[in-house]
C-alpha atoms as a PDB file:
ATOM      1  CA  UNK A   1       5.488 -13.752  14.476  1.00  0.00           C
ATOM      2  CA  UNK A   2       8.429 -14.900  16.593  1.00  0.00           C
ATOM      3  CA  UNK A   3       8.449 -13.069  20.059  1.00  0.00           C
ATOM      4  CA  UNK A   4      11.787 -11.549  21.259  1.00  0.00           C
ATOM      5  CA  UNK A   5      12.604 -13.415  24.322  1.00  0.00           C
ATOM      6  CA  UNK A   6      16.332 -13.577  25.577  1.00  0.00           C
ATOM      7  CA  UNK A   7      17.861 -14.965  28.228  1.00  0.00           C
ATOM      8  CA  UNK A   8      17.486 -12.790  30.445  1.00  0.00           C
ATOM      9  CA  UNK A   9      14.307 -12.107  30.853  1.00  0.00           C
ATOM     10  CA  UNK A  10      14.055 -16.035  31.063  1.00  0.00           C
ATOM     11  CA  UNK A  11      16.358 -16.610  33.780  1.00  0.00           C
ATOM     12  CA  UNK A  12      14.622 -13.392  35.474  1.00  0.00           C
ATOM     13  CA  UNK A  13      10.658 -15.363  35.349  1.00  0.00           C
ATOM     14  CA  UNK A  14      12.299 -18.171  36.641  1.00  0.00           C
ATOM     15  CA  UNK A  15      14.965 -19.217  39.285  1.00  0.00           C
ATOM     16  CA  UNK A  16      17.467 -21.597  37.861  1.00  0.00           C
ATOM     17  CA  UNK A  17      17.093 -24.748  39.984  1.00  0.00           C
ATOM     18  CA  UNK A  18      13.461 -24.198  37.646  1.00  0.00           C
ATOM     19  CA  UNK A  19      15.280 -23.727  34.135  1.00  0.00           C
ATOM     20  CA  UNK A  20      16.615 -26.710  32.458  1.00  0.00           C
ATOM     21  CA  UNK A  21      19.938 -26.865  31.133  1.00  0.00           C
ATOM     22  CA  UNK A  22      18.842 -26.567  27.622  1.00  0.00           C
ATOM     23  CA  UNK A  23      16.044 -24.114  27.915  1.00  0.00           C
ATOM     24  CA  UNK A  24      17.269 -22.744  24.680  1.00  0.00           C
ATOM     25  CA  UNK A  25      15.342 -25.271  22.516  1.00  0.00           C
ATOM     26  CA  UNK A  26      12.843 -23.565  23.658  1.00  0.00           C
ATOM     27  CA  UNK A  27      12.893 -20.627  22.054  1.00  0.00           C
ATOM     28  CA  UNK A  28      10.158 -19.423  19.534  1.00  0.00           C
ATOM     29  CA  UNK A  29      12.630 -20.817  16.689  1.00  0.00           C
ATOM     30  CA  UNK A  30      10.236 -24.408  15.627  1.00  0.00           C
ATOM     31  CA  UNK A  31       6.862 -21.885  15.331  1.00  0.00           C
ATOM     32  CA  UNK A  32       4.701 -20.321  17.880  1.00  0.00           C
ATOM     33  CA  UNK A  33       2.404 -23.301  18.357  1.00  0.00           C
ATOM     34  CA  UNK A  34       5.316 -26.049  19.362  1.00  0.00           C
ATOM     35  CA  UNK A  35       6.750 -23.169  21.807  1.00  0.00           C
ATOM     36  CA  UNK A  36       3.498 -22.331  23.337  1.00  0.00           C
ATOM     37  CA  UNK A  37       2.877 -26.163  24.094  1.00  0.00           C
ATOM     38  CA  UNK A  38       7.141 -26.562  25.589  1.00  0.00           C
ATOM     39  CA  UNK A  39       6.694 -23.309  27.446  1.00  0.00           C
ATOM     40  CA  UNK A  40       3.162 -24.791  29.228  1.00  0.00           C
ATOM     41  CA  UNK A  41       5.237 -28.276  29.626  1.00  0.00           C
ATOM     42  CA  UNK A  42       7.792 -26.213  31.280  1.00  0.00           C
ATOM     43  CA  UNK A  43       5.961 -23.523  33.789  1.00  0.00           C
ATOM     44  CA  UNK A  44       4.165 -27.184  35.235  1.00  0.00           C
ATOM     45  CA  UNK A  45       7.214 -28.640  35.823  1.00  0.00           C
ATOM     46  CA  UNK A  46       8.019 -25.517  37.728  1.00  0.00           C
ATOM     47  CA  UNK A  47       4.798 -24.753  39.724  1.00  0.00           C
ATOM     48  CA  UNK A  48       5.159 -28.776  40.714  1.00  0.00           C
ATOM     49  CA  UNK A  49       8.753 -28.203  41.808  1.00  0.00           C
ATOM     50  CA  UNK A  50       8.088 -25.014  43.720  1.00  0.00           C
ATOM     51  CA  UNK A  51       4.435 -26.531  45.491  1.00  0.00           C
ATOM     52  CA  UNK A  52       6.284 -28.920  47.004  1.00  0.00           C
ATOM     53  CA  UNK A  53       9.103 -26.748  48.468  1.00  0.00           C
ATOM     54  CA  UNK A  54       6.155 -23.535  48.941  1.00  0.00           C
ATOM     55  CA  UNK A  55       2.496 -22.722  48.410  1.00  0.00           C
ATOM     56  CA  UNK A  56       2.733 -19.737  47.798  1.00  0.00           C
ATOM     57  CA  UNK A  57       5.887 -20.324  44.750  1.00  0.00           C
ATOM     58  CA  UNK A  58       3.687 -22.273  43.361  1.00  0.00           C
ATOM     59  CA  UNK A  59       0.642 -20.033  43.158  1.00  0.00           C
ATOM     60  CA  UNK A  60       2.904 -17.270  41.839  1.00  0.00           C
ATOM     61  CA  UNK A  61       4.307 -19.351  38.923  1.00  0.00           C
ATOM     62  CA  UNK A  62       0.706 -20.452  38.726  1.00  0.00           C
ATOM     63  CA  UNK A  63      -1.148 -16.987  37.937  1.00  0.00           C
ATOM     64  CA  UNK A  64       2.573 -16.196  35.795  1.00  0.00           C
ATOM     65  CA  UNK A  65       2.150 -19.053  33.101  1.00  0.00           C
ATOM     66  CA  UNK A  66      -1.943 -17.451  33.253  1.00  0.00           C
ATOM     67  CA  UNK A  67      -0.434 -14.421  31.507  1.00  0.00           C
ATOM     68  CA  UNK A  68       1.923 -15.253  29.712  1.00  0.00           C
ATOM     69  CA  UNK A  69       0.070 -18.188  28.075  1.00  0.00           C
ATOM     70  CA  UNK A  70      -2.842 -14.678  27.757  1.00  0.00           C
ATOM     71  CA  UNK A  71       0.129 -12.684  26.169  1.00  0.00           C
ATOM     72  CA  UNK A  72       1.312 -15.893  23.872  1.00  0.00           C
ATOM     73  CA  UNK A  73      -2.611 -17.007  22.516  1.00  0.00           C
ATOM     74  CA  UNK A  74      -4.075 -13.535  22.078  1.00  0.00           C
ATOM     75  CA  UNK A  75      -2.527 -12.174  19.101  1.00  0.00           C
ATOM     76  CA  UNK A  76      -2.953 -15.744  17.393  1.00  0.00           C
ATOM     77  CA  UNK A  77      -6.510 -15.014  17.951  1.00  0.00           C
ATOM     78  CA  UNK A  78      -6.556 -11.413  17.387  1.00  0.00           C
ATOM     79  CA  UNK A  79      -4.781 -12.577  13.600  1.00  0.00           C
ATOM     80  CA  UNK A  80      -7.390 -14.838  12.999  1.00  0.00           C
ATOM     81  CA  UNK A  81     -10.014 -12.922  12.812  1.00  0.00           C
ATOM     82  CA  UNK A  82      -8.541 -10.183  10.796  1.00  0.00           C
ATOM     83  CA  UNK A  83      -8.200 -12.470   8.067  1.00  0.00           C
ATOM     84  CA  UNK A  84     -11.654 -12.901   8.402  1.00  0.00           C
ATOM     85  CA  UNK A  85     -13.474 -10.591   5.209  1.00  0.00           C
ATOM     86  CA  UNK A  86     -16.081  -9.885   5.004  1.00  0.00           C
ATOM     87  CA  UNK A  87     -18.436  -8.716   2.355  1.00  0.00           C
ATOM     88  CA  UNK A  88     -20.733  -5.987   1.322  1.00  0.00           C
ATOM     89  CA  UNK A  89     -22.769  -6.553  -2.288  1.00  0.00           C
ATOM     90  CA  UNK A  90     -23.652  -2.904  -3.768  1.00  0.00           C
ATOM     91  CA  UNK A  91     -25.512  -3.630  -6.983  1.00  0.00           C
ATOM     92  CA  UNK A  92     -28.525  -0.668  -9.262  1.00  0.00           C
ATOM     93  CA  UNK A  93     -30.751  -0.740  -5.594  1.00  0.00           C
ATOM     94  CA  UNK A  94     -27.259   1.549  -3.999  1.00  0.00           C
ATOM     95  CA  UNK A  95     -27.233   3.163  -6.932  1.00  0.00           C
ATOM     96  CA  UNK A  96     -25.213   1.853  -9.414  1.00  0.00           C
ATOM     97  CA  UNK A  97     -25.735   1.921 -13.394  1.00  0.00           C
ATOM     98  CA  UNK A  98     -26.152  -1.352 -14.108  1.00  0.00           C
ATOM     99  CA  UNK A  99     -24.641  -4.360 -12.555  1.00  0.00           C
ATOM    100  CA  UNK A 100     -21.956  -5.473 -14.635  1.00  0.00           C
ATOM    101  CA  UNK A 101     -18.715  -3.906 -13.422  1.00  0.00           C
ATOM    102  CA  UNK A 102     -16.120  -4.080 -16.437  1.00  0.00           C
ATOM    103  CA  UNK A 103     -13.545  -1.879 -14.753  1.00  0.00           C
ATOM    104  CA  UNK A 104     -12.527  -0.584 -11.292  1.00  0.00           C
ATOM    105  CA  UNK A 105      -9.991   1.033 -10.050  1.00  0.00           C
ATOM    106  CA  UNK A 106      -8.973   3.985  -7.110  1.00  0.00           C
ATOM    107  CA  UNK A 107      -7.820   7.087  -6.943  1.00  0.00           C
ATOM    108  CA  UNK A 108      -5.730   9.664  -5.119  1.00  0.00           C
ATOM    109  CA  UNK A 109      -8.487  10.897  -2.920  1.00  0.00           C
ATOM    110  CA  UNK A 110      -9.465   7.781  -2.158  1.00  0.00           C
ATOM    111  CA  UNK A 111     -12.707   7.706  -4.643  1.00  0.00           C
ATOM    112  CA  UNK A 112     -13.792   4.178  -5.692  1.00  0.00           C
ATOM    113  CA  UNK A 113     -14.063   4.621  -9.548  1.00  0.00           C
ATOM    114  CA  UNK A 114     -15.775   1.634 -11.415  1.00  0.00           C
ATOM    115  CA  UNK A 115     -17.115   1.460 -15.343  1.00  0.00           C
ATOM    116  CA  UNK A 116     -19.855  -0.289 -16.308  1.00  0.00           C
ATOM    117  CA  UNK A 117     -22.164  -0.869 -19.804  1.00  0.00           C
ATOM    118  CA  UNK A 118     -24.767   1.590 -18.468  1.00  0.00           C
ATOM    119  CA  UNK A 119     -21.655   4.892 -16.899  1.00  0.00           C
ATOM    120  CA  UNK A 120     -19.624   5.459 -14.781  1.00  0.00           C
ATOM    121  CA  UNK A 121     -19.622   5.143 -11.446  1.00  0.00           C
ATOM    122  CA  UNK A 122     -17.912   7.281  -8.357  1.00  0.00           C
ATOM    123  CA  UNK A 123     -18.351   5.794  -4.859  1.00  0.00           C
ATOM    124  CA  UNK A 124     -16.965   7.244  -1.796  1.00  0.00           C
ATOM    125  CA  UNK A 125     -18.201   5.024   0.649  1.00  0.00           C
ATOM    126  CA  UNK A 126     -21.318   5.593   0.724  1.00  0.00           C
ATOM    127  CA  UNK A 127     -23.743   6.921  -2.615  1.00  0.00           C
ATOM    128  CA  UNK A 128     -22.691   6.422  -5.936  1.00  0.00           C
ATOM    129  CA  UNK A 129     -22.304   9.162  -8.408  1.00  0.00           C
ATOM    130  CA  UNK A 130     -23.013   8.192 -11.622  1.00  0.00           C
ATOM    131  CA  UNK A 131     -21.648   9.717 -15.604  1.00  0.00           C
ATOM    132  CA  UNK A 132     -23.020  10.071 -18.245  1.00  0.00           C
ATOM    133  CA  UNK A 133     -23.468  10.911 -22.054  1.00  0.00           C
ATOM    134  CA  UNK A 134     -25.155  14.492 -22.292  1.00  0.00           C
ATOM    135  CA  UNK A 135     -25.636  14.725 -25.543  1.00  0.00           C
ATOM    136  CA  UNK A 136     -25.569  18.817 -25.463  1.00  0.00           C
ATOM    137  CA  UNK A 137     -22.979  18.834 -23.748  1.00  0.00           C
ATOM    138  CA  UNK A 138     -19.360  18.587 -25.406  1.00  0.00           C
ATOM    139  CA  UNK A 139     -17.702  18.282 -21.785  1.00  0.00           C
ATOM    140  CA  UNK A 140     -19.902  15.568 -20.162  1.00  0.00           C
ATOM    141  CA  UNK A 141     -18.506  11.621 -19.827  1.00  0.00           C
ATOM    142  CA  UNK A 142     -18.643  10.212 -24.028  1.00  0.00           C
ATOM    143  CA  UNK A 143     -20.954   7.090 -22.832  1.00  0.00           C
ATOM    144  CA  UNK A 144     -20.720   3.294 -24.223  1.00  0.00           C
ATOM    145  CA  UNK A 145     -19.506   0.416 -22.477  1.00  0.00           C
ATOM    146  CA  UNK A 146     -16.662   1.003 -20.358  1.00  0.00           C
ATOM    147  CA  UNK A 147     -13.532  -1.641 -21.285  1.00  0.00           C
ATOM    148  CA  UNK A 148     -10.416   0.326 -18.597  1.00  0.00           C
ATOM    149  CA  UNK A 149      -9.767   2.803 -16.370  1.00  0.00           C
ATOM    150  CA  UNK A 150      -6.130   4.307 -14.812  1.00  0.00           C
ATOM    151  CA  UNK A 151      -6.181   6.449 -12.527  1.00  0.00           C
ATOM    152  CA  UNK A 152      -2.581   9.058 -12.836  1.00  0.00           C
ATOM    153  CA  UNK A 153      -1.673  10.226  -9.195  1.00  0.00           C
ATOM    154  CA  UNK A 154      -2.020  13.819 -10.663  1.00  0.00           C
ATOM    155  CA  UNK A 155      -5.959  13.105  -9.407  1.00  0.00           C
ATOM    156  CA  UNK A 156      -6.501  12.378 -13.595  1.00  0.00           C
ATOM    157  CA  UNK A 157      -9.031   9.282 -14.513  1.00  0.00           C
ATOM    158  CA  UNK A 158      -7.948   7.607 -17.441  1.00  0.00           C
ATOM    159  CA  UNK A 159     -11.315   6.086 -19.745  1.00  0.00           C
ATOM    160  CA  UNK A 160     -10.968   3.863 -22.312  1.00  0.00           C
ATOM    161  CA  UNK A 161     -14.465   2.493 -23.434  1.00  0.00           C
ATOM    162  CA  UNK A 162     -15.784   1.893 -26.991  1.00  0.00           C
ATOM    163  CA  UNK A 163     -16.451   5.543 -28.131  1.00  0.00           C
ATOM    164  CA  UNK A 164     -12.484   6.965 -27.590  1.00  0.00           C
ATOM    165  CA  UNK A 165     -10.200   7.443 -24.653  1.00  0.00           C
ATOM    166  CA  UNK A 166     -12.435   9.893 -21.798  1.00  0.00           C
ATOM    167  CA  UNK A 167     -10.303  12.036 -19.562  1.00  0.00           C
ATOM    168  CA  UNK A 168     -11.885  13.300 -15.961  1.00  0.00           C
ATOM    169  CA  UNK A 169     -10.615  16.281 -14.824  1.00  0.00           C
ATOM    170  CA  UNK A 170     -11.373  16.558 -10.851  1.00  0.00           C
ATOM    171  CA  UNK A 171     -11.008  19.873 -10.841  1.00  0.00           C
ATOM    172  CA  UNK A 172     -14.010  20.568 -12.616  1.00  0.00           C
ATOM    173  CA  UNK A 173     -15.712  18.050 -12.775  1.00  0.00           C
ATOM    174  CA  UNK A 174     -15.603  17.712 -16.716  1.00  0.00           C
ATOM    175  CA  UNK A 175     -14.411  15.431 -19.350  1.00  0.00           C
ATOM    176  CA  UNK A 176     -12.069  15.550 -22.117  1.00  0.00           C
ATOM    177  CA  UNK A 177     -12.985  13.040 -24.797  1.00  0.00           C
ATOM    178  CA  UNK A 178     -10.049  12.226 -27.551  1.00  0.00           C
ATOM    179  CA  UNK A 179      -9.914   9.874 -31.058  1.00  0.00           C
ATOM    180  CA  UNK A 180      -7.940   7.994 -33.509  1.00  0.00           C
ATOM    181  CA  UNK A 181      -7.717  10.419 -36.798  1.00  0.00           C
ATOM    182  CA  UNK A 182      -7.146   7.644 -38.535  1.00  0.00           C
ATOM    183  CA  UNK A 183     -10.974   6.907 -39.196  1.00  0.00           C
ATOM    184  CA  UNK A 184     -10.482   3.093 -37.176  1.00  0.00           C
ATOM    185  CA  UNK A 185     -11.762   1.607 -34.466  1.00  0.00           C
ATOM    186  CA  UNK A 186     -11.878   4.215 -31.313  1.00  0.00           C
ATOM    187  CA  UNK A 187     -12.230   1.044 -28.803  1.00  0.00           C
ATOM    188  CA  UNK A 188      -9.800   0.918 -25.572  1.00  0.00           C
ATOM    189  CA  UNK A 189      -9.526  -2.384 -23.986  1.00  0.00           C
ATOM    190  CA  UNK A 190      -6.512  -1.013 -21.659  1.00  0.00           C
ATOM    191  CA  UNK A 191      -4.169   1.636 -20.511  1.00  0.00           C
ATOM    192  CA  UNK A 192      -1.085   1.961 -18.756  1.00  0.00           C
ATOM    193  CA  UNK A 193       1.688   4.663 -18.666  1.00  0.00           C
ATOM    194  CA  UNK A 194       4.902   4.625 -19.218  1.00  0.00           C
ATOM    195  CA  UNK A 195       7.903   6.863 -17.325  1.00  0.00           C
ATOM    196  CA  UNK A 196       7.886   9.719 -19.950  1.00  0.00           C
ATOM    197  CA  UNK A 197       3.988  10.041 -18.869  1.00  0.00           C
ATOM    198  CA  UNK A 198       2.774   8.740 -22.055  1.00  0.00           C
ATOM    199  CA  UNK A 199      -0.128   6.875 -22.593  1.00  0.00           C
ATOM    200  CA  UNK A 200      -0.249   2.781 -24.356  1.00  0.00           C
ATOM    201  CA  UNK A 201      -3.880   2.127 -24.982  1.00  0.00           C
ATOM    202  CA  UNK A 202      -4.929  -1.124 -26.583  1.00  0.00           C
ATOM    203  CA  UNK A 203      -7.459  -1.380 -29.134  1.00  0.00           C
ATOM    204  CA  UNK A 204      -8.605  -3.649 -31.600  1.00  0.00           C
ATOM    205  CA  UNK A 205      -6.467  -2.215 -34.554  1.00  0.00           C
ATOM    206  CA  UNK A 206      -3.031  -3.005 -32.577  1.00  0.00           C
ATOM    207  CA  UNK A 207      -1.874  -1.036 -29.959  1.00  0.00           C
ATOM    208  CA  UNK A 208      -1.535   3.399 -29.231  1.00  0.00           C
ATOM    209  CA  UNK A 209       0.792   5.413 -27.084  1.00  0.00           C
ATOM    210  CA  UNK A 210      -1.011   8.901 -27.019  1.00  0.00           C
ATOM    211  CA  UNK A 211       0.674  11.963 -25.874  1.00  0.00           C
ATOM    212  CA  UNK A 212      -1.480  14.267 -23.067  1.00  0.00           C
ATOM    213  CA  UNK A 213       0.501  17.004 -23.989  1.00  0.00           C
ATOM    214  CA  UNK A 214      -0.808  17.600 -27.735  1.00  0.00           C
ATOM    215  CA  UNK A 215      -3.842  15.140 -28.040  1.00  0.00           C
ATOM    216  CA  UNK A 216      -2.368  12.818 -30.447  1.00  0.00           C
ATOM    217  CA  UNK A 217      -2.042   8.791 -31.121  1.00  0.00           C
ATOM    218  CA  UNK A 218       1.119   6.962 -32.830  1.00  0.00           C
ATOM    219  CA  UNK A 219      -0.808   3.518 -33.935  1.00  0.00           C
ATOM    220  CA  UNK A 220       1.673   0.610 -33.734  1.00  0.00           C
ATOM    221  CA  UNK A 221       0.113  -1.818 -36.260  1.00  0.00           C
ATOM    222  CA  UNK A 222       0.419  -5.742 -37.330  1.00  0.00           C
ATOM    223  CA  UNK A 223       2.440  -5.929 -40.374  1.00  0.00           C
ATOM    224  CA  UNK A 224       3.363  -9.570 -42.047  1.00  0.00           C
ATOM    225  CA  UNK A 225       5.972  -8.334 -44.371  1.00  0.00           C
ATOM    226  CA  UNK A 226       7.609  -6.787 -40.794  1.00  0.00           C
ATOM    227  CA  UNK A 227       8.561  -9.810 -38.752  1.00  0.00           C
ATOM    228  CA  UNK A 228       9.388  -7.033 -35.548  1.00  0.00           C
ATOM    229  CA  UNK A 229       5.976  -5.313 -35.737  1.00  0.00           C
ATOM    230  CA  UNK A 230       3.643  -6.315 -33.874  1.00  0.00           C
ATOM    231  CA  UNK A 231       2.168  -9.708 -33.484  1.00  0.00           C
ATOM    232  CA  UNK A 232      -2.022  -9.105 -33.963  1.00  0.00           C
ATOM    233  CA  UNK A 233      -3.973  -5.922 -34.300  1.00  0.00           C
ATOM    234  CA  UNK A 234      -6.097  -7.433 -31.401  1.00  0.00           C
ATOM    235  CA  UNK A 235      -4.677  -5.928 -28.076  1.00  0.00           C
ATOM    236  CA  UNK A 236      -6.088  -6.861 -24.530  1.00  0.00           C
ATOM    237  CA  UNK A 237      -4.021  -5.560 -22.714  1.00  0.00           C
ATOM    238  CA  UNK A 238      -1.256  -3.475 -22.392  1.00  0.00           C
ATOM    239  CA  UNK A 239       1.680  -2.755 -19.547  1.00  0.00           C
ATOM    240  CA  UNK A 240       4.093  -1.024 -18.516  1.00  0.00           C
ATOM    241  CA  UNK A 241       6.612  -2.704 -15.714  1.00  0.00           C
ATOM    242  CA  UNK A 242       8.734  -0.698 -13.236  1.00  0.00           C
ATOM    243  CA  UNK A 243      11.561  -1.177 -15.917  1.00  0.00           C
ATOM    244  CA  UNK A 244      10.329   0.526 -17.932  1.00  0.00           C
ATOM    245  CA  UNK A 245       9.492  -1.848 -20.183  1.00  0.00           C
ATOM    246  CA  UNK A 246       6.274  -1.893 -22.531  1.00  0.00           C
ATOM    247  CA  UNK A 247       4.094  -5.801 -22.810  1.00  0.00           C
ATOM    248  CA  UNK A 248       1.611  -6.153 -24.971  1.00  0.00           C
ATOM    249  CA  UNK A 249      -0.457  -8.629 -24.807  1.00  0.00           C
ATOM    250  CA  UNK A 250      -2.333  -9.688 -27.957  1.00  0.00           C
ATOM    251  CA  UNK A 251      -4.258 -12.111 -30.289  1.00  0.00           C
ATOM    252  CA  UNK A 252      -1.133 -13.631 -31.320  1.00  0.00           C
ATOM    253  CA  UNK A 253       0.996 -13.730 -28.756  1.00  0.00           C
ATOM    254  CA  UNK A 254       2.902 -12.034 -25.930  1.00  0.00           C
ATOM    255  CA  UNK A 255       5.673  -8.364 -27.389  1.00  0.00           C
ATOM    256  CA  UNK A 256       7.899  -6.606 -25.358  1.00  0.00           C
ATOM    257  CA  UNK A 257       8.395  -2.919 -26.666  1.00  0.00           C
ATOM    258  CA  UNK A 258      11.727  -1.502 -27.370  1.00  0.00           C
ATOM    259  CA  UNK A 259      11.815   2.244 -27.321  1.00  0.00           C
ATOM    260  CA  UNK A 260      15.079   2.419 -28.946  1.00  0.00           C
ATOM    261  CA  UNK A 261      14.038   0.754 -31.890  1.00  0.00           C
ATOM    262  CA  UNK A 262      10.556   0.914 -32.488  1.00  0.00           C
ATOM    263  CA  UNK A 263      10.590  -2.568 -32.653  1.00  0.00           C
ATOM    264  CA  UNK A 264       8.019  -5.643 -30.839  1.00  0.00           C
ATOM    265  CA  UNK A 265      10.580  -9.194 -29.460  1.00  0.00           C
ATOM    266  CA  UNK A 266       7.510 -12.253 -29.878  1.00  0.00           C
ATOM    267  CA  UNK A 267       6.617 -15.133 -27.352  1.00  0.00           C
ATOM    268  CA  UNK A 268       4.480 -17.365 -28.532  1.00  0.00           C
ATOM    269  CA  UNK A 269       3.947 -20.671 -27.918  1.00  0.00           C
ATOM    270  CA  UNK A 270       5.951 -23.564 -28.747  1.00  0.00           C
ATOM    271  CA  UNK A 271       4.645 -26.963 -28.413  1.00  0.00           C
ATOM    272  CA  UNK A 272       9.213 -28.168 -28.576  1.00  0.00           C
ATOM    273  CA  UNK A 273       9.763 -25.723 -26.044  1.00  0.00           C
ATOM    274  CA  UNK A 274       7.881 -26.790 -22.351  1.00  0.00           C
ATOM    275  CA  UNK A 275       9.602 -23.752 -21.287  1.00  0.00           C
ATOM    276  CA  UNK A 276       7.480 -21.172 -23.562  1.00  0.00           C
ATOM    277  CA  UNK A 277       4.160 -19.065 -23.454  1.00  0.00           C
ATOM    278  CA  UNK A 278       1.168 -21.710 -22.704  1.00  0.00           C
ATOM    279  CA  UNK A 279      -0.857 -20.336 -25.540  1.00  0.00           C
ATOM    280  CA  UNK A 280      -0.845 -17.907 -28.278  1.00  0.00           C
ATOM    281  CA  UNK A 281      -3.714 -16.010 -27.517  1.00  0.00           C
ATOM    282  CA  UNK A 282      -3.036 -14.345 -24.514  1.00  0.00           C
ATOM    283  CA  UNK A 283      -6.222 -12.652 -23.645  1.00  0.00           C
ATOM    284  CA  UNK A 284      -9.959 -13.238 -24.350  1.00  0.00           C
ATOM    285  CA  UNK A 285     -12.226 -11.597 -27.404  1.00  0.00           C
END
């Protein structure tokens, strides 16, 4: 980090006779390490010159040199220490229901949520709370493998599973289950939200728009007779960018959805175009 040094502090610390004419070249424009090296050289030369004149002046410059060195070097040392990350492993022995974690997110309250093949876990930094299916309680978690998690600022958590979409309500610590009404697959591989608050979920039978207010799905599928339809029914990932554009990753390439027309623009690999998509398959089944 560049230090906010100016001419005035430099001239106040050292007499003009001890500052070379081109002292501005020693300012930290060429990197902090180079600056420290040049600065020490100035301090050393200044200390030698002053030593011939007066022992007291030389001793004073030596002490100032040590102080400046400590001020310049200590931040670099502290920064290096902060970059040393330490990891702690958490597994079933610590309360995790299953060792394979397939999804992770953090909600607005700071809780860490982890999706596994054997339940949903909430971690507060000390211990896990596990949610599993309870057949006697329709407001419990639906169960099944968890593929995706999506937390919204309001505090709700959306969970994509092999048994459909779940919404967790922190106010009453309960779940609401949502299923497609077309008797097709309910596996939810990905979740994102657009500016209108609509959820877009990826499945193995197309991409679906979900309206939280009505609890209804609208599914978009591949249609060979319609070039503007979805590239492929298997959707690995959905993403709504900050401009409001929906991107859909499928087995047939990358698609961009136009809400005005309801059409999908396709981006695929073209061997003749080095600037095209690297691979037609944008996910891994």
